Amino acid sequence: MPPKRSKEQILTVAQVKKMLDSLDEDKLDQLQRRSLDYASKFSRIDPEKVKPLVKTLIEKFELVMEEAVQLVNCMPQSIEEIRVFLAGGRKIVETSKLQAILGVLDEYRKKE
């Protein structure tokens, strides 16, 4: 009997950062330290806001999980940037929908 595989889960950079922050820093291996460094530099949203934002993007705008996570990871600041993430599916997205997505992203964007 083959070994059971763990269930894969798509995570945002902010979620990875939160998970790695919760570990004892002295016990992190080299890959975990590099991952934490990357996540600390590139996390664009507070980890507590990730789930509601991803859920909104999926339910309100009918995005798939991968699209929603990529938008949350990069938090694009213009319609043109959003279009790049959604063009992979070769679907045409109305400008009004892109503007609405941008509005939602702006509500959740980390204030610096």
N, C-alpha and C. Protein backbone atom coordinates (compact mmCIF):
# COMPACT_ATOMS: atom_id res chain seq x y z
N MET A 1 0.84 -1.18 0.00
CA MET A 1 0.00 0.00 0.00
C MET A 1 0.89 1.24 0.00
N PRO A 2 0.66 2.17 -0.95
CA PRO A 2 1.49 3.38 -0.99
C PRO A 2 1.20 4.29 0.20
N PRO A 3 2.19 5.08 0.60
CA PRO A 3 1.97 5.99 1.74
C PRO A 3 0.93 7.05 1.38
N LYS A 4 0.20 7.47 2.39
CA LYS A 4 -0.81 8.52 2.17
C LYS A 4 -0.11 9.85 1.95
N ARG A 5 -0.61 10.56 1.00
CA ARG A 5 -0.07 11.89 0.73
C ARG A 5 -0.82 12.91 1.58
N SER A 6 -0.09 13.91 1.98
CA SER A 6 -0.75 14.96 2.74
C SER A 6 -1.61 15.79 1.78
N LYS A 7 -2.63 16.36 2.30
CA LYS A 7 -3.53 17.17 1.49
C LYS A 7 -2.85 18.50 1.18
N GLU A 8 -2.74 18.80 -0.09
CA GLU A 8 -2.12 20.07 -0.50
C GLU A 8 -3.11 21.20 -0.33
N GLN A 9 -2.57 22.35 0.01
CA GLN A 9 -3.40 23.53 0.21
C GLN A 9 -2.68 24.71 -0.42
N ILE A 10 -3.42 25.52 -1.13
CA ILE A 10 -2.84 26.72 -1.73
C ILE A 10 -2.83 27.81 -0.66
N LEU A 11 -1.65 28.38 -0.43
CA LEU A 11 -1.50 29.41 0.59
C LEU A 11 -1.00 30.70 -0.03
N THR A 12 -1.35 31.80 0.59
CA THR A 12 -0.80 33.08 0.17
C THR A 12 0.53 33.30 0.88
N VAL A 13 1.28 34.26 0.41
CA VAL A 13 2.55 34.60 1.04
C VAL A 13 2.32 35.04 2.48
N ALA A 14 1.25 35.79 2.72
CA ALA A 14 0.95 36.26 4.08
C ALA A 14 0.66 35.09 5.01
N GLN A 15 -0.02 34.06 4.52
CA GLN A 15 -0.31 32.90 5.34
C GLN A 15 0.97 32.12 5.67
N VAL A 16 1.86 32.02 4.70
CA VAL A 16 3.14 31.34 4.92
C VAL A 16 3.93 32.10 5.97
N LYS A 17 3.95 33.42 5.87
CA LYS A 17 4.66 34.24 6.85
C LYS A 17 4.11 34.01 8.25
N LYS A 18 2.80 34.00 8.38
CA LYS A 18 2.18 33.79 9.68
C LYS A 18 2.56 32.41 10.25
N MET A 19 2.53 31.40 9.40
CA MET A 19 2.87 30.05 9.85
C MET A 19 4.33 29.98 10.31
N LEU A 20 5.23 30.55 9.53
CA LEU A 20 6.65 30.50 9.88
C LEU A 20 6.96 31.37 11.09
N ASP A 21 6.26 32.49 11.24
CA ASP A 21 6.44 33.35 12.42
C ASP A 21 6.05 32.62 13.70
N SER A 22 5.11 31.69 13.58
CA SER A 22 4.64 30.98 14.77
C SER A 22 5.62 29.92 15.26
N LEU A 23 6.61 29.58 14.43
CA LEU A 23 7.60 28.57 14.81
C LEU A 23 8.74 29.21 15.58
N ASP A 24 9.43 28.40 16.36
CA ASP A 24 10.59 28.86 17.11
C ASP A 24 11.70 29.19 16.10
N GLU A 25 12.10 30.44 16.06
CA GLU A 25 13.08 30.89 15.05
C GLU A 25 14.38 30.11 15.12
N ASP A 26 14.78 29.67 16.30
CA ASP A 26 16.03 28.93 16.46
C ASP A 26 15.97 27.53 15.83
N LYS A 27 14.76 27.04 15.60
CA LYS A 27 14.59 25.69 15.07
C LYS A 27 14.26 25.66 13.58
N LEU A 28 14.25 26.83 12.94
CA LEU A 28 13.96 26.87 11.50
C LEU A 28 15.16 26.36 10.72
N ASP A 29 14.90 25.54 9.70
CA ASP A 29 16.01 25.11 8.84
C ASP A 29 16.27 26.20 7.79
N GLN A 30 17.26 25.99 6.98
CA GLN A 30 17.68 27.02 6.02
C GLN A 30 16.55 27.39 5.05
N LEU A 31 15.83 26.41 4.54
CA LEU A 31 14.73 26.68 3.61
C LEU A 31 13.63 27.48 4.29
N GLN A 32 13.32 27.12 5.52
CA GLN A 32 12.29 27.86 6.26
C GLN A 32 12.72 29.30 6.54
N ARG A 33 13.99 29.49 6.85
CA ARG A 33 14.49 30.85 7.09
C ARG A 33 14.41 31.70 5.82
N ARG A 34 14.80 31.10 4.70
CA ARG A 34 14.71 31.83 3.43
C ARG A 34 13.26 32.13 3.07
N SER A 35 12.40 31.17 3.31
CA SER A 35 10.98 31.36 3.03
C SER A 35 10.40 32.47 3.90
N LEU A 36 10.78 32.49 5.17
CA LEU A 36 10.31 33.53 6.08
C LEU A 36 10.83 34.89 5.64
N ASP A 37 12.09 34.96 5.25
CA ASP A 37 12.67 36.22 4.77
C ASP A 37 11.90 36.72 3.55
N TYR A 38 11.65 35.82 2.59
CA TYR A 38 10.89 36.18 1.39
C TYR A 38 9.49 36.66 1.76
N ALA A 39 8.80 35.87 2.59
CA ALA A 39 7.43 36.21 2.97
C ALA A 39 7.37 37.54 3.72
N SER A 40 8.37 37.81 4.54
CA SER A 40 8.41 39.08 5.28
C SER A 40 8.56 40.27 4.33
N LYS A 41 9.35 40.09 3.29
CA LYS A 41 9.59 41.17 2.34
C LYS A 41 8.42 41.39 1.39
N PHE A 42 7.73 40.31 1.01
CA PHE A 42 6.76 40.41 -0.06
C PHE A 42 5.30 40.23 0.34
N SER A 43 5.04 40.07 1.60
CA SER A 43 3.66 39.97 2.06
C SER A 43 3.00 41.34 1.90
N ARG A 44 1.88 41.38 1.22
CA ARG A 44 1.24 42.65 0.91
C ARG A 44 -0.10 42.86 1.62
N ILE A 45 -0.41 41.95 2.55
CA ILE A 45 -1.69 42.03 3.24
C ILE A 45 -1.53 41.41 4.62
N ASP A 46 -2.29 41.90 5.58
CA ASP A 46 -2.27 41.31 6.92
C ASP A 46 -2.84 39.89 6.84
N PRO A 47 -2.20 38.92 7.47
CA PRO A 47 -2.65 37.53 7.38
C PRO A 47 -4.11 37.32 7.81
N GLU A 48 -4.59 38.11 8.74
CA GLU A 48 -5.97 37.97 9.21
C GLU A 48 -6.98 38.34 8.13
N LYS A 49 -6.58 39.11 7.16
CA LYS A 49 -7.48 39.57 6.10
C LYS A 49 -7.50 38.66 4.88
N VAL A 50 -6.60 37.68 4.85
CA VAL A 50 -6.45 36.84 3.66
C VAL A 50 -7.71 36.04 3.34
N LYS A 51 -8.19 35.27 4.32
CA LYS A 51 -9.33 34.39 4.06
C LYS A 51 -10.57 35.14 3.59
N PRO A 52 -10.95 36.25 4.26
CA PRO A 52 -12.13 36.95 3.77
C PRO A 52 -11.93 37.55 2.37
N LEU A 53 -10.72 38.00 2.08
CA LEU A 53 -10.46 38.57 0.76
C LEU A 53 -10.52 37.50 -0.32
N VAL A 54 -9.87 36.37 -0.08
CA VAL A 54 -9.89 35.28 -1.06
C VAL A 54 -11.33 34.82 -1.27
N LYS A 55 -12.07 34.67 -0.19
CA LYS A 55 -13.47 34.24 -0.28
C LYS A 55 -14.29 35.23 -1.11
N THR A 56 -14.09 36.51 -0.88
CA THR A 56 -14.81 37.53 -1.64
C THR A 56 -14.47 37.45 -3.12
N LEU A 57 -13.18 37.32 -3.43
CA LEU A 57 -12.77 37.25 -4.84
C LEU A 57 -13.36 36.04 -5.54
N ILE A 58 -13.43 34.93 -4.84
CA ILE A 58 -13.97 33.70 -5.44
C ILE A 58 -15.49 33.79 -5.60
N GLU A 59 -16.17 34.21 -4.55
CA GLU A 59 -17.63 34.22 -4.58
C GLU A 59 -18.22 35.38 -5.38
N LYS A 60 -17.70 36.56 -5.16
CA LYS A 60 -18.28 37.74 -5.80
C LYS A 60 -17.87 37.87 -7.26
N PHE A 61 -16.64 37.47 -7.57
CA PHE A 61 -16.14 37.68 -8.94
C PHE A 61 -15.92 36.39 -9.71
N GLU A 62 -16.32 35.26 -9.10
CA GLU A 62 -16.25 33.95 -9.75
C GLU A 62 -14.84 33.60 -10.23
N LEU A 63 -13.84 33.92 -9.41
CA LEU A 63 -12.47 33.54 -9.71
C LEU A 63 -12.20 32.16 -9.15
N VAL A 64 -11.22 31.48 -9.71
CA VAL A 64 -10.80 30.20 -9.13
C VAL A 64 -9.78 30.50 -8.03
N MET A 65 -9.56 29.54 -7.17
CA MET A 65 -8.68 29.73 -6.02
C MET A 65 -7.30 30.25 -6.43
N GLU A 66 -6.72 29.67 -7.47
CA GLU A 66 -5.38 30.06 -7.90
C GLU A 66 -5.33 31.53 -8.32
N GLU A 67 -6.37 31.99 -9.03
CA GLU A 67 -6.41 33.40 -9.45
C GLU A 67 -6.54 34.31 -8.23
N ALA A 68 -7.41 33.95 -7.31
CA ALA A 68 -7.61 34.77 -6.12
C ALA A 68 -6.34 34.86 -5.28
N VAL A 69 -5.65 33.74 -5.12
CA VAL A 69 -4.42 33.73 -4.32
C VAL A 69 -3.34 34.57 -4.99
N GLN A 70 -3.21 34.48 -6.29
CA GLN A 70 -2.21 35.29 -6.99
C GLN A 70 -2.51 36.78 -6.86
N LEU A 71 -3.78 37.13 -6.95
CA LEU A 71 -4.14 38.55 -6.77
C LEU A 71 -3.80 39.01 -5.35
N VAL A 72 -4.07 38.18 -4.37
CA VAL A 72 -3.77 38.54 -2.97
C VAL A 72 -2.26 38.61 -2.76
N ASN A 73 -1.51 37.71 -3.37
CA ASN A 73 -0.06 37.73 -3.22
C ASN A 73 0.55 39.00 -3.80
N CYS A 74 0.04 39.45 -4.92
CA CYS A 74 0.66 40.59 -5.61
C CYS A 74 -0.06 41.91 -5.35
N MET A 75 -1.32 41.83 -4.96
CA MET A 75 -2.12 43.03 -4.69
C MET A 75 -1.92 44.09 -5.78
N PRO A 76 -2.28 43.76 -7.02
CA PRO A 76 -2.09 44.71 -8.13
C PRO A 76 -2.79 46.03 -7.85
N GLN A 77 -2.21 47.11 -8.40
CA GLN A 77 -2.72 48.45 -8.12
C GLN A 77 -3.39 49.10 -9.31
N SER A 78 -3.56 48.36 -10.40
CA SER A 78 -4.24 48.92 -11.56
C SER A 78 -5.02 47.82 -12.28
N ILE A 79 -5.96 48.25 -13.09
CA ILE A 79 -6.75 47.32 -13.88
C ILE A 79 -5.85 46.53 -14.82
N GLU A 80 -4.87 47.19 -15.40
CA GLU A 80 -3.96 46.52 -16.34
C GLU A 80 -3.21 45.38 -15.65
N GLU A 81 -2.77 45.61 -14.40
CA GLU A 81 -2.07 44.57 -13.66
C GLU A 81 -3.01 43.40 -13.35
N ILE A 82 -4.23 43.68 -12.98
CA ILE A 82 -5.20 42.62 -12.70
C ILE A 82 -5.44 41.81 -13.97
N ARG A 83 -5.54 42.48 -15.09
CA ARG A 83 -5.78 41.82 -16.37
C ARG A 83 -4.70 40.77 -16.66
N VAL A 84 -3.46 41.06 -16.29
CA VAL A 84 -2.35 40.12 -16.51
C VAL A 84 -2.62 38.82 -15.76
N PHE A 85 -3.09 38.90 -14.53
CA PHE A 85 -3.33 37.71 -13.73
C PHE A 85 -4.51 36.90 -14.25
N LEU A 86 -5.48 37.57 -14.80
CA LEU A 86 -6.68 36.87 -15.26
C LEU A 86 -6.61 36.47 -16.72
N ALA A 87 -5.59 36.92 -17.44
CA ALA A 87 -5.46 36.60 -18.86
C ALA A 87 -4.99 35.17 -19.10
N GLY A 88 -4.43 34.54 -18.07
CA GLY A 88 -3.94 33.17 -18.21
C GLY A 88 -5.03 32.21 -18.64
N GLY A 89 -6.25 32.47 -18.21
CA GLY A 89 -7.38 31.63 -18.60
C GLY A 89 -7.95 32.03 -19.94
N ARG A 90 -7.36 33.03 -20.55
CA ARG A 90 -7.78 33.52 -21.87
C ARG A 90 -9.24 33.96 -21.89
N LYS A 91 -9.74 34.33 -20.72
CA LYS A 91 -11.11 34.82 -20.70
C LYS A 91 -11.10 36.34 -20.73
N ILE A 92 -12.11 36.88 -21.33
CA ILE A 92 -12.23 38.34 -21.39
C ILE A 92 -13.04 38.78 -20.17
N VAL A 93 -12.47 39.72 -19.44
CA VAL A 93 -13.13 40.22 -18.24
C VAL A 93 -13.52 41.67 -18.48
N GLU A 94 -14.76 41.97 -18.18
CA GLU A 94 -15.26 43.33 -18.39
C GLU A 94 -14.50 44.32 -17.50
N THR A 95 -14.30 45.52 -18.03
CA THR A 95 -13.59 46.57 -17.29
C THR A 95 -14.29 46.90 -15.98
N SER A 96 -15.61 46.89 -15.99
CA SER A 96 -16.35 47.21 -14.76
C SER A 96 -16.06 46.17 -13.67
N LYS A 97 -15.92 44.92 -14.07
CA LYS A 97 -15.59 43.85 -13.10
C LYS A 97 -14.17 44.04 -12.58
N LEU A 98 -13.25 44.42 -13.46
CA LEU A 98 -11.87 44.68 -13.04
C LEU A 98 -11.80 45.85 -12.07
N GLN A 99 -12.59 46.88 -12.34
CA GLN A 99 -12.63 48.04 -11.43
C GLN A 99 -13.17 47.63 -10.06
N ALA A 100 -14.18 46.76 -10.06
CA ALA A 100 -14.74 46.30 -8.80
C ALA A 100 -13.72 45.46 -8.03
N ILE A 101 -12.98 44.60 -8.73
CA ILE A 101 -11.93 43.81 -8.09
C ILE A 101 -10.88 44.73 -7.48
N LEU A 102 -10.47 45.75 -8.24
CA LEU A 102 -9.48 46.70 -7.74
C LEU A 102 -10.00 47.42 -6.49
N GLY A 103 -11.26 47.77 -6.49
CA GLY A 103 -11.86 48.41 -5.31
C GLY A 103 -11.79 47.53 -4.08
N VAL A 104 -12.07 46.24 -4.25
CA VAL A 104 -12.00 45.31 -3.13
C VAL A 104 -10.56 45.16 -2.66
N LEU A 105 -9.62 45.03 -3.59
CA LEU A 105 -8.21 44.92 -3.21
C LEU A 105 -7.75 46.16 -2.45
N ASP A 106 -8.20 47.33 -2.89
CA ASP A 106 -7.83 48.58 -2.21
C ASP A 106 -8.35 48.62 -0.77
N GLU A 107 -9.54 48.03 -0.52
CA GLU A 107 -10.08 47.99 0.82
C GLU A 107 -9.21 47.17 1.77
N TYR A 108 -8.59 46.12 1.23
CA TYR A 108 -7.80 45.20 2.05
C TYR A 108 -6.30 45.51 2.04
N ARG A 109 -5.88 46.38 1.16
CA ARG A 109 -4.45 46.64 0.99
C ARG A 109 -3.80 47.08 2.30
N LYS A 110 -2.62 46.56 2.57
CA LYS A 110 -1.88 46.91 3.78
C LYS A 110 -1.45 48.37 3.70
N LYS A 111 -1.76 49.10 4.73
CA LYS A 111 -1.38 50.51 4.79
C LYS A 111 0.06 50.60 5.29
N GLU A 112 0.91 51.28 4.53
CA GLU A 112 2.33 51.35 4.91
C GLU A 112 2.69 52.72 5.41
